[in-house]
C-alpha atoms as a PDB file:
ATOM      1  CA  MET A   1       0.000   0.000   0.000  1.00  0.00           C
ATOM      2  CA  PHE A   2       1.237   3.482  -0.904  1.00  0.00           C
ATOM      3  CA  ILE A   3       0.029   6.300   1.357  1.00  0.00           C
ATOM      4  CA  GLY A   4       0.312   9.898   0.222  1.00  0.00           C
ATOM      5  CA  ILE A   5      -0.483  13.131   2.027  1.00  0.00           C
ATOM      6  CA  ASP A   6      -0.972  16.533   0.452  1.00  0.00           C
ATOM      7  CA  TRP A   7      -0.109  19.137   3.108  1.00  0.00           C
ATOM      8  CA  GLY A   8      -1.834  22.323   1.989  1.00  0.00           C
ATOM      9  CA  GLY A   9      -2.310  25.702   3.569  1.00  0.00           C
ATOM     10  CA  THR A  10      -6.011  25.127   4.268  1.00  0.00           C
ATOM     11  CA  LYS A  11      -6.480  21.355   4.028  1.00  0.00           C
ATOM     12  CA  MET A  12      -4.599  18.103   4.478  1.00  0.00           C
ATOM     13  CA  GLU A  13      -5.574  15.106   2.410  1.00  0.00           C
ATOM     14  CA  VAL A  14      -4.498  11.465   2.577  1.00  0.00           C
ATOM     15  CA  ILE A  15      -4.871   8.749  -0.031  1.00  0.00           C
ATOM     16  CA  ALA A  16      -4.008   5.051   0.049  1.00  0.00           C
ATOM     17  CA  LEU A  17      -3.247   3.479  -3.331  1.00  0.00           C
ATOM     18  CA  ASP A  18      -2.685  -0.158  -4.144  1.00  0.00           C
ATOM     19  CA  ARG A  19       0.010  -1.237  -6.606  1.00  0.00           C
ATOM     20  CA  ASP A  20      -2.378  -0.764  -9.526  1.00  0.00           C
ATOM     21  CA  GLY A  21      -3.125   2.821  -8.529  1.00  0.00           C
ATOM     22  CA  GLU A  22      -6.619   2.088  -7.262  1.00  0.00           C
ATOM     23  CA  THR A  23      -7.810   4.188  -4.327  1.00  0.00           C
ATOM     24  CA  ARG A  24      -8.338   2.146  -1.160  1.00  0.00           C
ATOM     25  CA  ALA A  25      -8.848   5.032   1.248  1.00  0.00           C
ATOM     26  CA  ARG A  26      -9.179   8.787   1.166  1.00  0.00           C
ATOM     27  CA  HIS A  27      -9.718  11.337   3.928  1.00  0.00           C
ATOM     28  CA  ARG A  28      -9.450  15.115   4.248  1.00  0.00           C
ATOM     29  CA  VAL A  29      -9.222  17.493   7.222  1.00  0.00           C
ATOM     30  CA  ALA A  30      -8.681  21.210   7.655  1.00  0.00           C
ATOM     31  CA  THR A  31      -5.025  22.064   8.219  1.00  0.00           C
ATOM     32  CA  PRO A  32      -4.677  22.887  11.937  1.00  0.00           C
ATOM     33  CA  THR A  33      -4.038  26.536  12.717  1.00  0.00           C
ATOM     34  CA  SER A  34      -3.000  26.044  16.345  1.00  0.00           C
ATOM     35  CA  GLY A  35       0.639  25.299  15.614  1.00  0.00           C
ATOM     36  CA  TYR A  36       3.303  22.948  14.256  1.00  0.00           C
ATOM     37  CA  ASP A  37       2.735  20.130  16.773  1.00  0.00           C
ATOM     38  CA  ALA A  38      -0.979  20.050  15.950  1.00  0.00           C
ATOM     39  CA  CYS A  39      -0.110  19.596  12.273  1.00  0.00           C
ATOM     40  CA  ILE A  40       2.192  16.674  13.080  1.00  0.00           C
ATOM     41  CA  ARG A  41      -0.629  15.046  15.063  1.00  0.00           C
ATOM     42  CA  ALA A  42      -3.024  15.602  12.167  1.00  0.00           C
ATOM     43  CA  VAL A  43      -0.687  13.714   9.832  1.00  0.00           C
ATOM     44  CA  VAL A  44      -0.448  10.822  12.290  1.00  0.00           C
ATOM     45  CA  ASP A  45      -4.234  10.677  12.556  1.00  0.00           C
ATOM     46  CA  LEU A  46      -4.666  10.774   8.770  1.00  0.00           C
ATOM     47  CA  VAL A  47      -2.248   7.894   8.272  1.00  0.00           C
ATOM     48  CA  ALA A  48      -4.027   5.860  10.954  1.00  0.00           C
ATOM     49  CA  ALA A  49      -7.413   6.540   9.359  1.00  0.00           C
ATOM     50  CA  ALA A  50      -6.187   5.584   5.886  1.00  0.00           C
ATOM     51  CA  GLU A  51      -4.603   2.360   7.094  1.00  0.00           C
ATOM     52  CA  GLN A  52      -7.689   1.394   9.065  1.00  0.00           C
ATOM     53  CA  THR A  53      -9.929   1.961   6.034  1.00  0.00           C
ATOM     54  CA  ALA A  54      -7.557   0.198   3.627  1.00  0.00           C
ATOM     55  CA  GLY A  55      -6.856  -2.653   6.027  1.00  0.00           C
ATOM     56  CA  ALA A  56      -3.121  -2.547   5.368  1.00  0.00           C
ATOM     57  CA  ARG A  57       0.038  -0.738   6.443  1.00  0.00           C
ATOM     58  CA  GLY A  58       1.738   1.405   3.807  1.00  0.00           C
ATOM     59  CA  SER A  59       4.744   3.492   2.892  1.00  0.00           C
ATOM     60  CA  ILE A  60       4.307   7.237   3.485  1.00  0.00           C
ATOM     61  CA  GLY A  61       5.071  10.097   1.127  1.00  0.00           C
ATOM     62  CA  ILE A  62       4.159  13.716   1.811  1.00  0.00           C
ATOM     63  CA  GLY A  63       3.922  16.646  -0.551  1.00  0.00           C
ATOM     64  CA  ILE A  64       4.500  20.048   1.005  1.00  0.00           C
ATOM     65  CA  PRO A  65       4.674  23.680  -0.068  1.00  0.00           C
ATOM     66  CA  GLY A  66       8.379  24.431   0.029  1.00  0.00           C
ATOM     67  CA  SER A  67      11.136  21.846   0.146  1.00  0.00           C
ATOM     68  CA  PRO A  68      13.543  20.222   2.593  1.00  0.00           C
ATOM     69  CA  ASN A  69      17.237  21.039   2.380  1.00  0.00           C
ATOM     70  CA  PRO A  70      18.729  17.743   1.125  1.00  0.00           C
ATOM     71  CA  ARG A  71      21.635  17.920   3.601  1.00  0.00           C
ATOM     72  CA  THR A  72      20.003  19.283   6.766  1.00  0.00           C
ATOM     73  CA  GLY A  73      16.374  18.252   6.282  1.00  0.00           C
ATOM     74  CA  ILE A  74      15.253  21.752   7.282  1.00  0.00           C
ATOM     75  CA  VAL A  75      12.220  23.024   5.340  1.00  0.00           C
ATOM     76  CA  ARG A  76      12.548  26.359   3.529  1.00  0.00           C
ATOM     77  CA  ASN A  77      10.688  28.473   0.977  1.00  0.00           C
ATOM     78  CA  SER A  78       7.231  27.441   2.198  1.00  0.00           C
ATOM     79  CA  ASN A  79       4.243  29.762   2.169  1.00  0.00           C
ATOM     80  CA  ALA A  80       2.948  27.552   4.998  1.00  0.00           C
ATOM     81  CA  VAL A  81       5.338  29.473   7.204  1.00  0.00           C
ATOM     82  CA  LEU A  82       5.000  27.360  10.338  1.00  0.00           C
ATOM     83  CA  ILE A  83       7.045  24.549   8.751  1.00  0.00           C
ATOM     84  CA  ASN A  84       9.907  26.813   7.657  1.00  0.00           C
ATOM     85  CA  GLY A  85      13.039  26.199   9.693  1.00  0.00           C
ATOM     86  CA  LYS A  86      11.702  22.866  10.984  1.00  0.00           C
ATOM     87  CA  PRO A  87      13.187  19.369  10.521  1.00  0.00           C
ATOM     88  CA  LEU A  88       9.786  18.209   9.308  1.00  0.00           C
ATOM     89  CA  GLY A  89      10.880  14.847   7.946  1.00  0.00           C
ATOM     90  CA  ARG A  90      12.625  13.828  11.165  1.00  0.00           C
ATOM     91  CA  ASP A  91       9.726  15.022  13.303  1.00  0.00           C
ATOM     92  CA  LEU A  92       7.220  13.068  11.218  1.00  0.00           C
ATOM     93  CA  GLU A  93       9.353   9.925  11.320  1.00  0.00           C
ATOM     94  CA  ALA A  94       9.589  10.172  15.098  1.00  0.00           C
ATOM     95  CA  ALA A  95       5.816  10.595  15.383  1.00  0.00           C
ATOM     96  CA  LEU A  96       4.959   7.835  12.901  1.00  0.00           C
ATOM     97  CA  GLY A  97       7.699   5.375  13.792  1.00  0.00           C
ATOM     98  CA  ARG A  98       8.767   4.782  10.194  1.00  0.00           C
ATOM     99  CA  GLU A  99      10.580   6.391   7.276  1.00  0.00           C
ATOM    100  CA  VAL A 100       8.850   9.251   5.449  1.00  0.00           C
ATOM    101  CA  ARG A 101       9.660  10.768   2.074  1.00  0.00           C
ATOM    102  CA  LEU A 102       9.011  14.491   1.534  1.00  0.00           C
ATOM    103  CA  ALA A 103       8.804  16.394  -1.738  1.00  0.00           C
ATOM    104  CA  ASN A 104       7.640  19.752  -2.995  1.00  0.00           C
ATOM    105  CA  ASP A 105       3.973  19.646  -4.016  1.00  0.00           C
ATOM    106  CA  ALA A 106       4.731  20.544  -7.646  1.00  0.00           C
ATOM    107  CA  ASN A 107       7.255  17.696  -7.804  1.00  0.00           C
ATOM    108  CA  CYS A 108       4.454  15.437  -6.591  1.00  0.00           C
ATOM    109  CA  LEU A 109       2.294  16.647  -9.483  1.00  0.00           C
ATOM    110  CA  ALA A 110       5.081  15.764 -11.918  1.00  0.00           C
ATOM    111  CA  VAL A 111       5.568  12.286 -10.422  1.00  0.00           C
ATOM    112  CA  SER A 112       1.846  11.547 -10.375  1.00  0.00           C
ATOM    113  CA  GLU A 113       1.434  12.436 -14.026  1.00  0.00           C
ATOM    114  CA  ALA A 114       4.651  10.627 -14.985  1.00  0.00           C
ATOM    115  CA  VAL A 115       3.574   7.380 -13.314  1.00  0.00           C
ATOM    116  CA  ASP A 116       0.022   7.011 -14.615  1.00  0.00           C
ATOM    117  CA  GLY A 117      -1.173  10.346 -15.955  1.00  0.00           C
ATOM    118  CA  ALA A 118      -0.607  12.715 -18.851  1.00  0.00           C
ATOM    119  CA  GLY A 119       3.130  11.967 -18.935  1.00  0.00           C
ATOM    120  CA  LYS A 120       3.067   8.195 -18.493  1.00  0.00           C
ATOM    121  CA  ASP A 121       4.637   7.721 -21.944  1.00  0.00           C
ATOM    122  CA  ALA A 122       7.466  10.207 -21.260  1.00  0.00           C
ATOM    123  CA  HIS A 123      10.885  10.002 -19.611  1.00  0.00           C
ATOM    124  CA  VAL A 124      11.218  13.687 -18.650  1.00  0.00           C
ATOM    125  CA  VAL A 125       8.029  15.317 -17.359  1.00  0.00           C
ATOM    126  CA  PHE A 126       7.862  18.967 -16.331  1.00  0.00           C
ATOM    127  CA  GLY A 127       4.789  19.613 -14.188  1.00  0.00           C
ATOM    128  CA  ILE A 128       3.544  23.142 -13.628  1.00  0.00           C
ATOM    129  CA  ILE A 129       0.948  24.259 -11.107  1.00  0.00           C
ATOM    130  CA  VAL A 130      -0.860  27.299 -12.508  1.00  0.00           C
ATOM    131  CA  GLY A 131      -3.229  28.010  -9.660  1.00  0.00           C
ATOM    132  CA  THR A 132      -3.221  30.595  -6.900  1.00  0.00           C
ATOM    133  CA  GLY A 133       0.538  30.688  -7.450  1.00  0.00           C
ATOM    134  CA  HIS A 134       2.954  29.306 -10.001  1.00  0.00           C
ATOM    135  CA  GLY A 135       5.198  26.344  -9.236  1.00  0.00           C
ATOM    136  CA  GLY A 136       7.181  23.738 -11.129  1.00  0.00           C
ATOM    137  CA  GLY A 137       8.219  20.147 -10.605  1.00  0.00           C
ATOM    138  CA  LEU A 138      10.487  17.811 -12.545  1.00  0.00           C
ATOM    139  CA  ALA A 139      10.218  14.024 -12.837  1.00  0.00           C
ATOM    140  CA  ILE A 140      12.833  11.977 -14.669  1.00  0.00           C
ATOM    141  CA  GLY A 141      12.222   8.264 -15.068  1.00  0.00           C
ATOM    142  CA  LYS A 142       9.029   8.686 -13.008  1.00  0.00           C
ATOM    143  CA  LYS A 143      10.999   9.937  -9.978  1.00  0.00           C
ATOM    144  CA  VAL A 144      11.506  13.396  -8.499  1.00  0.00           C
ATOM    145  CA  HIS A 145      14.557  15.256  -9.728  1.00  0.00           C
ATOM    146  CA  ALA A 146      15.090  17.808  -6.960  1.00  0.00           C
ATOM    147  CA  GLY A 147      18.704  18.669  -7.812  1.00  0.00           C
ATOM    148  CA  TYR A 148      21.782  19.088  -5.642  1.00  0.00           C
ATOM    149  CA  GLN A 149      20.302  22.041  -3.747  1.00  0.00           C
ATOM    150  CA  GLY A 150      16.829  20.520  -3.660  1.00  0.00           C
ATOM    151  CA  VAL A 151      15.344  23.477  -5.542  1.00  0.00           C
ATOM    152  CA  ALA A 152      15.254  22.232  -9.150  1.00  0.00           C
ATOM    153  CA  ALA A 153      12.199  23.481 -11.075  1.00  0.00           C
ATOM    154  CA  GLU A 154      11.448  26.322  -8.624  1.00  0.00           C
ATOM    155  CA  ILE A 155      10.312  28.399 -11.565  1.00  0.00           C
ATOM    156  CA  GLY A 156       7.819  30.507  -9.631  1.00  0.00           C
ATOM    157  CA  HIS A 157      10.741  32.494  -8.288  1.00  0.00           C
ATOM    158  CA  TYR A 158      12.784  33.181 -11.338  1.00  0.00           C
ATOM    159  CA  PRO A 159      12.052  36.528 -13.023  1.00  0.00           C
ATOM    160  CA  LEU A 160       9.392  36.848 -15.705  1.00  0.00           C
ATOM    161  CA  PRO A 161      11.433  36.134 -18.863  1.00  0.00           C
ATOM    162  CA  TRP A 162      11.942  38.773 -21.550  1.00  0.00           C
ATOM    163  CA  MET A 163      10.407  41.571 -19.491  1.00  0.00           C
ATOM    164  CA  ARG A 164       9.038  44.488 -21.447  1.00  0.00           C
ATOM    165  CA  GLN A 165       9.638  48.090 -20.538  1.00  0.00           C
ATOM    166  CA  ASP A 166       6.217  48.479 -18.941  1.00  0.00           C
ATOM    167  CA  GLU A 167       6.771  45.295 -16.876  1.00  0.00           C
ATOM    168  CA  TYR A 168      10.220  46.170 -15.517  1.00  0.00           C
ATOM    169  CA  PRO A 169      11.366  45.855 -12.730  1.00  0.00           C
ATOM    170  CA  GLY A 170       8.329  43.784 -11.778  1.00  0.00           C
ATOM    171  CA  HIS A 171       5.890  43.416  -8.916  1.00  0.00           C
ATOM    172  CA  LYS A 172       7.179  42.813  -5.385  1.00  0.00           C
ATOM    173  CA  CYS A 173       6.840  39.105  -4.574  1.00  0.00           C
ATOM    174  CA  TRP A 174       6.092  37.615  -1.166  1.00  0.00           C
ATOM    175  CA  CYS A 175       9.622  36.126  -1.247  1.00  0.00           C
ATOM    176  CA  GLY A 176      11.067  39.658  -1.184  1.00  0.00           C
ATOM    177  CA  LYS A 177      12.316  39.811  -4.775  1.00  0.00           C
ATOM    178  CA  LEU A 178      10.962  41.732  -7.752  1.00  0.00           C
ATOM    179  CA  GLY A 179       9.418  40.318 -10.900  1.00  0.00           C
ATOM    180  CA  CYS A 180       8.950  36.686  -9.885  1.00  0.00           C
ATOM    181  CA  LEU A 181       6.858  34.598 -12.275  1.00  0.00           C
ATOM    182  CA  ASP A 182       4.655  33.752  -9.282  1.00  0.00           C
ATOM    183  CA  MET A 183       3.271  37.302  -9.549  1.00  0.00           C
ATOM    184  CA  TYR A 184       2.249  36.948 -13.189  1.00  0.00           C
ATOM    185  CA  ALA A 185       1.553  33.484 -14.605  1.00  0.00           C
ATOM    186  CA  CYS A 186      -1.135  32.299 -12.200  1.00  0.00           C
ATOM    187  CA  GLY A 187      -4.679  33.095 -11.118  1.00  0.00           C
ATOM    188  CA  THR A 188      -3.483  35.669  -8.602  1.00  0.00           C
ATOM    189  CA  GLY A 189      -1.377  37.333 -11.301  1.00  0.00           C
ATOM    190  CA  LEU A 190      -4.356  37.444 -13.646  1.00  0.00           C
ATOM    191  CA  GLU A 191      -6.478  39.126 -10.960  1.00  0.00           C
ATOM    192  CA  LEU A 192      -3.692  41.568 -10.071  1.00  0.00           C
ATOM    193  CA  ASP A 193      -3.262  42.600 -13.715  1.00  0.00           C
ATOM    194  CA  TYR A 194      -7.012  43.140 -14.057  1.00  0.00           C
ATOM    195  CA  ARG A 195      -7.083  45.306 -10.911  1.00  0.00           C
ATOM    196  CA  LEU A 196      -4.115  47.403 -12.090  1.00  0.00           C
ATOM    197  CA  THR A 197      -5.722  47.773 -15.534  1.00  0.00           C
ATOM    198  CA  THR A 198      -9.284  48.613 -14.482  1.00  0.00           C
ATOM    199  CA  GLY A 199      -9.160  49.532 -10.789  1.00  0.00           C
ATOM    200  CA  VAL A 200     -11.702  46.772 -10.141  1.00  0.00           C
ATOM    201  CA  ASP A 201     -11.244  43.562  -8.120  1.00  0.00           C
ATOM    202  CA  ARG A 202     -12.521  40.523 -10.002  1.00  0.00           C
ATOM    203  CA  ARG A 203     -12.105  36.784  -9.560  1.00  0.00           C
ATOM    204  CA  GLY A 204     -10.093  34.874 -12.118  1.00  0.00           C
ATOM    205  CA  ARG A 205     -13.008  32.747 -13.308  1.00  0.00           C
ATOM    206  CA  ASP A 206     -15.077  35.893 -13.883  1.00  0.00           C
ATOM    207  CA  ILE A 207     -12.260  37.481 -15.873  1.00  0.00           C
ATOM    208  CA  ILE A 208     -12.096  34.406 -18.108  1.00  0.00           C
ATOM    209  CA  GLU A 209     -15.852  34.456 -18.650  1.00  0.00           C
ATOM    210  CA  ALA A 210     -15.711  38.170 -19.471  1.00  0.00           C
ATOM    211  CA  LYS A 211     -12.928  37.493 -21.964  1.00  0.00           C
ATOM    212  CA  ARG A 212     -15.056  34.806 -23.610  1.00  0.00           C
ATOM    213  CA  ALA A 213     -17.894  37.330 -23.854  1.00  0.00           C
ATOM    214  CA  GLY A 214     -15.630  39.780 -25.675  1.00  0.00           C
ATOM    215  CA  ASP A 215     -14.815  42.266 -22.898  1.00  0.00           C
ATOM    216  CA  PRO A 216     -11.722  44.206 -24.121  1.00  0.00           C
ATOM    217  CA  ASP A 217     -10.115  44.712 -20.699  1.00  0.00           C
ATOM    218  CA  ALA A 218     -10.503  41.041 -19.771  1.00  0.00           C
ATOM    219  CA  THR A 219      -9.205  40.015 -23.192  1.00  0.00           C
ATOM    220  CA  GLY A 220      -6.102  42.158 -22.800  1.00  0.00           C
ATOM    221  CA  VAL A 221      -5.397  40.764 -19.332  1.00  0.00           C
ATOM    222  CA  TYR A 222      -5.890  37.194 -20.556  1.00  0.00           C
ATOM    223  CA  ASP A 223      -3.650  37.723 -23.587  1.00  0.00           C
ATOM    224  CA  ARG A 224      -0.851  39.046 -21.357  1.00  0.00           C
ATOM    225  CA  PHE A 225      -1.273  36.063 -19.017  1.00  0.00           C
ATOM    226  CA  VAL A 226      -0.912  33.512 -21.834  1.00  0.00           C
ATOM    227  CA  ASP A 227       2.039  35.383 -23.333  1.00  0.00           C
ATOM    228  CA  ARG A 228       3.820  35.434 -19.976  1.00  0.00           C
ATOM    229  CA  LEU A 229       3.215  31.722 -19.491  1.00  0.00           C
ATOM    230  CA  ALA A 230       4.543  31.115 -23.019  1.00  0.00           C
ATOM    231  CA  ARG A 231       7.745  33.017 -22.233  1.00  0.00           C
ATOM    232  CA  SER A 232       8.395  30.755 -19.264  1.00  0.00           C
ATOM    233  CA  LEU A 233       7.728  27.570 -21.241  1.00  0.00           C
ATOM    234  CA  ALA A 234      10.094  28.789 -23.959  1.00  0.00           C
ATOM    235  CA  LEU A 235      12.830  29.403 -21.394  1.00  0.00           C
ATOM    236  CA  LEU A 236      12.251  25.971 -19.849  1.00  0.00           C
ATOM    237  CA  THR A 237      12.419  24.369 -23.276  1.00  0.00           C
ATOM    238  CA  ASN A 238      15.709  26.140 -23.965  1.00  0.00           C
ATOM    239  CA  ILE A 239      17.130  24.818 -20.662  1.00  0.00           C
ATOM    240  CA  VAL A 240      15.445  21.471 -19.922  1.00  0.00           C
ATOM    241  CA  ASP A 241      13.598  20.561 -23.143  1.00  0.00           C
ATOM    242  CA  PRO A 242      11.304  18.004 -21.441  1.00  0.00           C
ATOM    243  CA  ASP A 243       9.334  15.345 -23.298  1.00  0.00           C
ATOM    244  CA  VAL A 244       6.054  16.856 -22.090  1.00  0.00           C
ATOM    245  CA  PHE A 245       4.704  19.763 -20.069  1.00  0.00           C
ATOM    246  CA  VAL A 246       1.780  18.896 -17.776  1.00  0.00           C
ATOM    247  CA  LEU A 247      -0.329  21.715 -16.339  1.00  0.00           C
ATOM    248  CA  GLY A 248      -2.319  21.546 -13.110  1.00  0.00           C
ATOM    249  CA  GLY A 249      -4.083  24.074 -10.900  1.00  0.00           C
ATOM    250  CA  GLY A 250      -7.173  26.138 -11.583  1.00  0.00           C
ATOM    251  CA  MET A 251      -5.867  28.003 -14.632  1.00  0.00           C
ATOM    252  CA  SER A 252      -5.008  24.702 -16.325  1.00  0.00           C
ATOM    253  CA  ASN A 253      -8.766  24.283 -16.831  1.00  0.00           C
ATOM    254  CA  VAL A 254      -8.878  27.246 -19.242  1.00  0.00           C
ATOM    255  CA  ASP A 255      -8.952  25.101 -22.374  1.00  0.00           C
ATOM    256  CA  GLU A 256      -8.060  27.922 -24.768  1.00  0.00           C
ATOM    257  CA  ILE A 257      -4.472  28.091 -23.556  1.00  0.00           C
ATOM    258  CA  TYR A 258      -3.549  24.711 -25.044  1.00  0.00           C
ATOM    259  CA  GLY A 259      -4.267  25.891 -28.561  1.00  0.00           C
ATOM    260  CA  GLU A 260      -2.645  29.303 -28.119  1.00  0.00           C
ATOM    261  CA  LEU A 261       0.581  28.468 -26.293  1.00  0.00           C
ATOM    262  CA  PRO A 262       2.552  26.640 -29.029  1.00  0.00           C
ATOM    263  CA  ASP A 263       2.643  29.569 -31.492  1.00  0.00           C
ATOM    264  CA  LEU A 264       3.439  32.021 -28.699  1.00  0.00           C
ATOM    265  CA  ILE A 265       6.255  29.818 -27.372  1.00  0.00           C
ATOM    266  CA  THR A 266       7.775  29.593 -30.856  1.00  0.00           C
ATOM    267  CA  LYS A 267       8.214  33.404 -30.854  1.00  0.00           C
ATOM    268  CA  TYR A 268      10.553  33.175 -27.861  1.00  0.00           C
ATOM    269  CA  LEU A 269      12.183  29.781 -28.418  1.00  0.00           C
ATOM    270  CA  PHE A 270      15.786  29.463 -29.587  1.00  0.00           C
ATOM    271  CA  GLY A 271      14.698  27.243 -32.468  1.00  0.00           C
ATOM    272  CA  ASP A 272      12.478  27.160 -35.523  1.00  0.00           C
ATOM    273  CA  SER A 273       9.404  25.390 -34.077  1.00  0.00           C
ATOM    274  CA  PHE A 274       7.828  24.146 -30.852  1.00  0.00           C
ATOM    275  CA  GLU A 275       6.472  20.595 -30.919  1.00  0.00           C
ATOM    276  CA  THR A 276       6.533  19.586 -27.228  1.00  0.00           C
ATOM    277  CA  PRO A 277       3.128  18.339 -26.011  1.00  0.00           C
ATOM    278  CA  ILE A 278       1.389  20.526 -23.423  1.00  0.00           C
ATOM    279  CA  ARG A 279      -1.244  18.504 -21.591  1.00  0.00           C
ATOM    280  CA  LYS A 280      -3.716  19.002 -18.785  1.00  0.00           C
ATOM    281  CA  ALA A 281      -3.083  16.864 -15.686  1.00  0.00           C
ATOM    282  CA  VAL A 282      -5.139  13.676 -15.931  1.00  0.00           C
ATOM    283  CA  HIS A 283      -5.615  13.438 -12.176  1.00  0.00           C
ATOM    284  CA  GLY A 284      -6.531  17.090 -11.704  1.00  0.00           C
ATOM    285  CA  ASP A 285      -6.639  18.179  -8.071  1.00  0.00           C
ATOM    286  CA  SER A 286      -5.680  14.630  -7.033  1.00  0.00           C
ATOM    287  CA  SER A 287      -2.280  14.766  -8.745  1.00  0.00           C
ATOM    288  CA  GLY A 288      -0.467  16.131  -5.695  1.00  0.00           C
ATOM    289  CA  VAL A 289      -1.696  13.571  -3.202  1.00  0.00           C
ATOM    290  CA  ARG A 290      -1.242  10.695  -5.677  1.00  0.00           C
ATOM    291  CA  GLY A 291       2.278  11.856  -6.465  1.00  0.00           C
ATOM    292  CA  ALA A 292       3.113  11.911  -2.764  1.00  0.00           C
ATOM    293  CA  ALA A 293       2.049   8.269  -2.544  1.00  0.00           C
ATOM    294  CA  TRP A 294       4.103   7.370  -5.617  1.00  0.00           C
ATOM    295  CA  LEU A 295       7.306   8.791  -4.050  1.00  0.00           C
ATOM    296  CA  TRP A 296       7.860   5.195  -2.937  1.00  0.00           C
ATOM    297  CA  LYS A 297       7.002   3.500  -6.227  1.00  0.00           C
ATOM    298  CA  GLU A 298       9.966   1.613  -7.696  1.00  0.00           C
END
């Protein structure tokens, strides 16, 4: 049995998968707000509930916002700030009494889709979460490639590529730097651009519907969003050139982007054409928790 946990800012979810990828148990709770120790206890309780439902003991993988330092085990770069600076893996192993594997949540997306999703036929899968924020994950041979520093594919915090004069130096990011892609190529970035353009706050889904209805402001904001996403995919192709890009998160459900991105990417690519498949995550919102479970799949 393979047990995966998706540790999110507002909810924690556990899944138990058998060797064929069939779900044997699934539970969800609100992420505790009373502190770090309460979160550790919540994970222990979720594992116990999953194993009781499934009737079997399993390996445990956990996807988290942020990533552990591969040498110290200390978590960093998480927007779930209470786990920053903590030896989360060691604390979970002590509480659970067994080995635990941790990975960034976008890496879990990439692994999930590489094992039995949109990238199952590919060797190198680049997964991108285009949701509230923008994050990347890399799976090679159906396993996480985190890199020597443990920060491979952290594309949300490189600068928006090929910035234009009216974009420079970029919006201030929560990480403290200017111009991070996380401020542009995501739902929050779409909403921010609309507010700066019109002076009106509007949800991302409403902006997309307005664009589909022909609203010029919404159309301009959407066009800039897709162009900015295309710039990033062109840069990634120039550097990594994966076999497939797989998109997850709320903005991945905007079907128009899949037809528009290839021609836009070609404009920025160091090459004469762009042929790499861009696919929507097969497992949708379940990709993260499934990928956490598959961290143990050999």
